[in-house]
Protein backbone atom coordinates (compact mmCIF):
# COMPACT_ATOMS: atom_id res chain seq x y z
CA MET A 1 103.56 107.47 98.68
CA LYS A 2 107.16 108.05 99.96
CA LYS A 3 109.03 104.39 100.62
CA LEU A 4 108.49 103.39 103.53
CA SER A 5 111.50 102.63 106.26
CA ILE A 6 109.23 100.90 108.77
CA ALA A 7 108.25 97.49 108.95
CA ILE A 8 104.58 96.70 106.70
CA PRO A 9 102.54 93.74 107.58
CA ALA A 10 102.55 90.85 104.43
CA ALA A 11 98.95 92.09 103.29
CA LEU A 12 99.29 95.49 102.93
CA LEU A 13 103.19 95.07 101.61
CA ALA A 14 101.63 92.85 98.80
CA ALA A 15 98.92 95.55 97.62
CA PHE A 16 101.77 98.11 97.63
CA LEU A 17 104.03 95.49 95.26
CA ALA A 18 101.10 94.97 93.01
CA PHE A 19 101.02 98.82 92.68
CA GLY A 20 104.80 98.64 91.71
CA THR A 21 104.01 95.89 88.95
CA ALA A 22 101.56 97.64 87.26
CA CYS A 23 103.23 101.17 87.05
CA GLY A 24 105.85 99.37 85.08
CA ASN A 25 103.38 100.02 82.52
CA ASN A 26 103.48 101.92 79.44
CA VAL A 27 100.05 103.09 79.63
CA GLU A 28 98.98 106.25 80.16
CA LEU A 29 96.68 106.92 82.39
CA VAL A 30 93.93 109.46 82.92
CA ALA A 31 91.50 109.84 85.37
CA ASN A 32 88.15 111.97 84.17
CA ASP A 33 85.11 113.01 85.54
CA ALA A 34 81.83 110.76 85.35
CA THR A 35 80.19 114.25 83.96
CA ASP A 36 76.19 112.39 84.18
CA LEU A 37 77.18 112.22 87.69
CA LEU A 38 76.62 114.44 90.23
CA GLN A 39 79.31 115.91 93.41
CA GLU A 40 79.20 113.74 96.21
CA ASP A 41 79.68 114.91 99.77
CA PHE A 42 81.45 113.55 102.89
CA GLY A 43 81.18 113.64 106.45
CA VAL A 44 82.73 111.76 109.50
CA ALA A 45 79.76 108.79 110.48
CA VAL A 46 79.47 108.62 114.46
CA LYS A 47 76.91 105.62 115.78
CA LYS A 48 73.26 106.35 115.24
CA GLY A 49 72.01 108.72 118.02
CA ASP A 50 75.44 109.41 119.38
CA ALA A 51 74.53 113.52 119.78
CA ASP A 52 77.55 113.96 121.28
CA MET A 53 80.25 112.24 119.71
CA LYS A 54 78.15 114.43 116.26
CA ALA A 55 78.83 117.45 118.07
CA ALA A 56 82.35 116.64 119.16
CA VAL A 57 83.29 116.27 115.31
CA ASP A 58 80.86 118.85 114.06
CA ALA A 59 82.82 121.34 116.00
CA VAL A 60 86.55 120.87 114.29
CA VAL A 61 85.06 120.66 111.32
CA ASP A 62 82.52 123.12 111.03
CA GLN A 63 85.28 125.75 112.80
CA TRP A 64 87.99 123.95 109.88
CA VAL A 65 86.10 124.59 107.06
CA ASN A 66 84.58 128.41 107.92
CA ASP A 67 87.97 129.20 109.08
CA GLY A 68 89.99 128.25 105.81
CA THR A 69 92.26 124.92 107.94
CA MET A 70 90.36 122.63 105.84
CA ASP A 71 91.57 123.28 102.81
CA LYS A 72 94.83 123.89 103.80
CA TYR A 73 95.09 120.18 105.26
CA PHE A 74 93.50 119.34 101.40
CA ASN A 75 96.40 120.91 99.97
CA TYR A 76 99.14 119.56 102.47
CA TYR A 77 98.39 116.04 102.83
CA SER A 78 97.12 116.35 98.43
CA GLU A 79 101.19 116.65 98.09
CA LEU A 80 102.75 114.53 101.07
CA ALA A 81 100.72 111.76 99.14
CA ASP A 82 102.56 112.42 96.20
CA GLU A 83 105.49 110.75 95.81
CA ASN A 84 107.59 113.72 93.94
CA ALA A 85 106.57 116.38 96.29
CA SER A 86 107.93 117.25 99.18
CA PRO A 87 105.57 119.84 100.85
CA THR A 88 106.03 122.13 103.69
CA ALA A 89 103.36 122.84 106.27
CA PRO A 90 101.75 126.54 106.16
CA SER A 91 102.40 127.90 108.88
CA GLY A 92 100.14 127.30 111.66
CA LEU A 93 98.59 124.54 110.69
CA LYS A 94 98.98 121.41 113.29
CA LEU A 95 100.44 117.91 111.98
CA SER A 96 101.05 116.47 115.86
CA TRP A 97 99.07 115.23 118.54
CA ASP A 98 100.64 114.47 121.72
CA LEU A 99 97.10 112.57 123.15
CA SER A 100 99.39 110.08 125.58
CA ALA A 101 98.26 111.58 128.87
CA ASN A 102 94.54 111.21 128.23
CA THR A 103 93.74 108.03 129.71
CA GLU A 104 89.42 107.42 127.75
CA THR A 105 89.59 106.07 124.65
CA LEU A 106 88.32 107.08 121.48
CA ASP A 107 88.07 104.40 118.29
CA MET A 108 88.68 105.55 114.86
CA TYR A 109 87.50 103.29 112.00
CA THR A 110 89.24 103.74 108.54
CA GLU A 111 90.79 102.27 105.55
CA SER A 112 94.31 103.07 104.76
CA GLY A 113 94.11 103.24 100.80
CA PHE A 114 92.08 106.27 100.15
CA ALA A 115 94.89 109.53 99.71
CA PRO A 116 94.84 112.35 100.84
CA TYR A 117 91.94 111.20 103.42
CA GLU A 118 94.24 108.64 104.85
CA PHE A 119 97.08 107.09 103.63
CA VAL A 120 100.28 104.96 104.73
CA HIS A 121 103.22 107.22 105.37
CA THR A 122 106.12 107.61 107.61
CA ASP A 123 104.42 110.55 109.48
CA GLY A 124 101.72 108.91 110.20
CA TYR A 125 99.66 108.16 113.71
CA SER A 126 100.33 104.60 114.78
CA VAL A 127 97.82 101.95 113.50
CA SER A 128 96.68 100.06 116.56
CA ASP A 129 95.23 96.48 114.71
CA GLY A 130 93.06 95.66 112.13
CA SER A 131 94.88 93.54 109.72
CA ALA A 132 98.13 94.80 110.91
CA GLN A 133 100.36 94.01 113.80
CA GLU A 134 100.09 96.04 116.02
CA GLY A 135 102.42 99.70 115.85
CA GLY A 136 103.96 97.76 112.38
CA TYR A 137 102.80 101.18 110.39
CA SER A 138 101.26 104.66 110.47
CA ILE A 139 98.87 106.14 108.66
CA THR A 140 98.17 110.10 107.95
CA GLY A 141 96.02 112.08 106.18
CA ILE A 142 92.63 114.15 106.46
CA ASP A 143 90.55 111.64 108.07
CA VAL A 144 93.58 111.01 109.99
CA ALA A 145 93.86 114.94 111.46
CA ILE A 146 90.03 115.58 111.99
CA ALA A 147 89.98 112.51 114.21
CA CYS A 148 92.76 113.78 116.28
CA GLN A 149 91.40 116.93 116.71
CA VAL A 150 88.40 115.40 118.04
CA ALA A 151 90.28 113.44 120.31
CA GLU A 152 92.29 116.02 121.73
CA ASN A 153 89.47 118.29 122.42
CA LEU A 154 87.67 115.40 124.35
CA LYS A 155 90.79 114.94 126.11
CA CYS A 156 90.79 111.01 124.73
CA LYS A 157 93.68 108.51 123.37
CA LEU A 158 93.31 107.70 119.42
CA VAL A 159 93.83 104.39 118.49
CA ILE A 160 93.13 104.04 115.15
CA HIS A 161 91.81 100.33 113.27
CA ASP A 162 92.22 100.16 109.81
CA VAL A 163 89.72 97.64 108.53
CA ALA A 164 88.54 96.51 105.10
CA PHE A 165 86.54 99.72 103.81
CA ASP A 166 83.25 97.95 103.36
CA SER A 167 83.28 96.66 107.52
CA ILE A 168 84.23 99.99 108.81
CA ILE A 169 80.35 100.82 109.55
CA THR A 170 79.76 97.39 111.07
CA HIS A 171 83.19 97.76 113.30
CA LEU A 172 81.83 101.41 114.04
CA ASP A 173 77.98 99.75 115.33
CA SER A 174 79.48 98.03 117.30
CA ALA A 175 82.44 99.31 119.23
CA GLU A 176 81.83 100.89 122.78
CA GLY A 177 82.64 103.73 123.84
CA LYS A 178 83.36 106.80 122.18
CA ALA A 179 84.03 106.27 118.07
CA LEU A 180 83.79 107.37 115.25
CA ALA A 181 84.27 106.28 111.21
CA ALA A 182 86.28 108.56 108.58
CA ALA A 183 87.32 107.01 105.13
CA GLY A 184 86.16 109.75 102.75
CA LEU A 185 82.78 108.55 103.21
CA THR A 186 80.16 109.58 101.05
CA ILE A 187 77.24 110.50 102.50
CA ASN A 188 73.89 109.22 101.34
CA PRO A 189 70.66 107.50 102.06
CA GLU A 190 71.25 103.71 102.97
CA ARG A 191 74.47 104.72 105.11
CA ALA A 192 72.54 107.42 106.93
CA GLN A 193 69.73 104.65 108.21
CA GLN A 194 72.77 103.10 109.34
CA VAL A 195 74.96 105.70 111.19
CA ASP A 196 74.82 109.66 111.63
CA PHE A 197 76.87 112.20 109.93
CA SER A 198 79.19 115.15 110.49
CA SER A 199 78.66 117.96 108.45
CA ILE A 200 80.26 117.93 105.14
CA TYR A 201 83.49 118.56 105.06
CA SER A 202 84.56 117.38 101.46
CA SER A 203 83.06 117.11 97.73
CA SER A 204 84.15 115.03 95.23
CA THR A 205 82.76 113.68 92.05
CA LEU A 206 83.12 109.78 90.21
CA SER A 207 85.84 109.92 88.24
CA ILE A 208 87.15 106.99 85.40
CA VAL A 209 90.10 105.97 85.58
CA CYS A 210 91.31 104.55 81.70
CA ASP A 211 93.60 104.35 78.60
CA LYS A 212 94.38 107.38 77.50
CA GLU A 213 93.20 106.52 74.53
CA LYS A 214 89.78 105.16 75.29
CA ASN A 215 88.88 108.54 77.35
CA TYR A 216 86.16 107.58 78.78
CA THR A 217 84.00 110.47 80.70
CA SER A 218 80.59 109.11 81.64
CA LEU A 219 79.25 106.08 83.03
CA LYS A 220 76.52 105.23 80.38
CA GLU A 221 79.75 104.87 78.08
CA LEU A 222 81.61 102.11 80.08
CA ASP A 223 78.31 99.68 79.65
CA GLY A 224 79.96 96.58 78.00
CA LEU A 225 82.69 96.89 79.84
CA GLN A 226 85.05 95.07 82.88
CA ILE A 227 84.66 98.25 86.12
CA GLY A 228 87.23 98.08 88.61
CA VAL A 229 85.95 99.36 92.13
CA GLN A 230 86.97 98.75 95.68
CA GLU A 231 84.44 97.14 97.82
CA GLY A 232 81.63 99.28 99.40
CA THR A 233 82.81 102.85 98.15
CA SER A 234 80.51 105.04 96.32
CA GLY A 235 81.80 103.76 93.34
CA ASP A 236 81.39 100.47 93.69
CA LEU A 237 77.21 101.35 95.07
CA THR A 238 76.99 103.30 91.75
CA ALA A 239 78.16 101.31 88.95
CA SER A 240 76.51 97.78 90.92
CA ALA A 241 72.86 99.70 91.05
CA ALA A 242 73.04 100.80 87.78
CA LEU A 243 73.47 97.16 86.89
CA LYS A 244 70.13 96.55 88.43
CA ALA A 245 66.47 96.87 86.09
CA GLU A 246 65.63 99.81 88.17
CA GLY A 247 69.12 101.01 87.74
CA HIS A 248 70.96 104.05 89.50
CA SER A 249 69.09 107.03 89.87
CA TYR A 250 69.53 110.58 91.62
CA GLU A 251 67.71 113.58 91.88
CA ASN A 252 70.07 116.73 88.84
CA GLU A 253 70.03 120.67 90.25
CA ASP A 254 66.96 121.29 88.71
CA GLY A 255 64.73 118.46 90.76
CA GLU A 256 64.62 116.36 88.33
CA THR A 257 64.87 112.48 88.28
CA VAL A 258 67.90 111.20 86.13
CA THR A 259 68.60 107.56 86.28
CA ILE A 260 71.44 105.79 84.23
CA LYS A 261 71.08 101.41 83.73
CA LEU A 262 74.27 99.80 82.34
CA THR A 263 72.38 97.15 80.67
CA SER A 264 74.64 94.95 78.23
CA SER A 265 74.92 91.45 79.50
CA ALA A 266 78.74 91.87 78.72
CA THR A 267 78.99 94.67 81.52
CA LYS A 268 80.58 93.40 84.80
CA VAL A 269 81.27 95.24 87.97
CA VAL A 270 85.06 93.98 89.35
CA PRO A 271 85.72 93.86 92.89
CA TYR A 272 89.10 94.68 94.81
CA LYS A 273 90.06 95.30 98.22
CA THR A 274 92.40 98.19 97.79
CA TYR A 275 92.76 100.28 94.78
CA ALA A 276 96.52 98.99 94.28
CA ALA A 277 95.13 95.76 93.27
CA ALA A 278 92.45 97.77 91.04
CA LEU A 279 95.58 99.57 89.28
CA ALA A 280 97.47 96.38 88.69
CA ALA A 281 94.09 94.64 87.21
CA LEU A 282 93.92 97.46 84.70
CA GLN A 283 97.97 97.76 83.74
CA ALA A 284 97.55 93.80 83.43
CA GLY A 285 94.31 94.12 81.03
CA LYS A 286 92.04 92.53 83.26
CA ILE A 287 89.46 94.97 83.46
CA ASP A 288 88.62 98.53 81.63
CA VAL A 289 88.44 100.89 83.93
CA ILE A 290 88.33 101.98 87.51
CA PHE A 291 85.56 104.01 88.99
CA MET A 292 86.45 105.59 91.64
CA ASP A 293 86.97 109.68 93.79
CA LYS A 294 87.98 112.14 91.77
CA VAL A 295 91.14 113.36 93.92
CA PRO A 296 92.45 110.08 95.01
CA ALA A 297 92.18 108.86 91.33
CA GLN A 298 94.50 111.60 89.95
CA LEU A 299 96.95 110.45 93.00
CA LEU A 300 96.85 107.10 92.11
CA ILE A 301 97.40 108.30 88.35
CA LYS A 302 100.31 110.52 89.18
CA ASN A 303 101.87 108.26 91.30
CA ALA A 304 101.96 105.49 89.10
């Protein structure tokens, strides 16, 4: 992530400072796939029953996935989130949208600490409210690009609300007018009861960020450890479910039900508001691992 030349709200600045402090440690980190779990699929969420908004989002997602544009955005924003890279956008890739002349509003609910899907950057779209002073910083990323294109197609202004991840669906449910939520949201049965999802636009696996000397490669290996997660994310939901008596269950490629249980009384899922805070805790030895999605995990340790 590039250094910002704009004002950053105090809470966000504290998270970045925690990130910087953590990075001063000499521990070499790795991000390993949790090999005992399946791939997860991401979708944009809309209010339950909002068929028109789902169709508007699907029109963008389906076109970009089918013509290769989504892959170009993924590659570009992954490079942009890497503080050591200076990417050049592929020819024809749209990176700005002028929505100022539109009168109706499309509200987008997100959480800005999940590169390359959304992250704070000077080249981004100004945040409207949430934990920040209005216009105090801007965010960019794949999800922001999708929302901008949907807003353009619907002839709407885009208003981005940067909120806590575990409150995104609540904000979407209570929104008036046109609204969507995009924050690398995993499509799962629990969320599907509350919202409708667009077509799949990206897939990922859950990864374990840890000391290279430890080299954990499965959720089962985390039994007995302090597991750092971001509140409300798939890492949080999956690890927390595995701690319960019934465990975390899913259906594998062969149609068989697989259940993972963490049974040690020493195992603890430790929630954080941001991954920067989780990284600081890991580097300080307060937790043993961070359990999170693969690409953001890779960017997190690459910029450490």
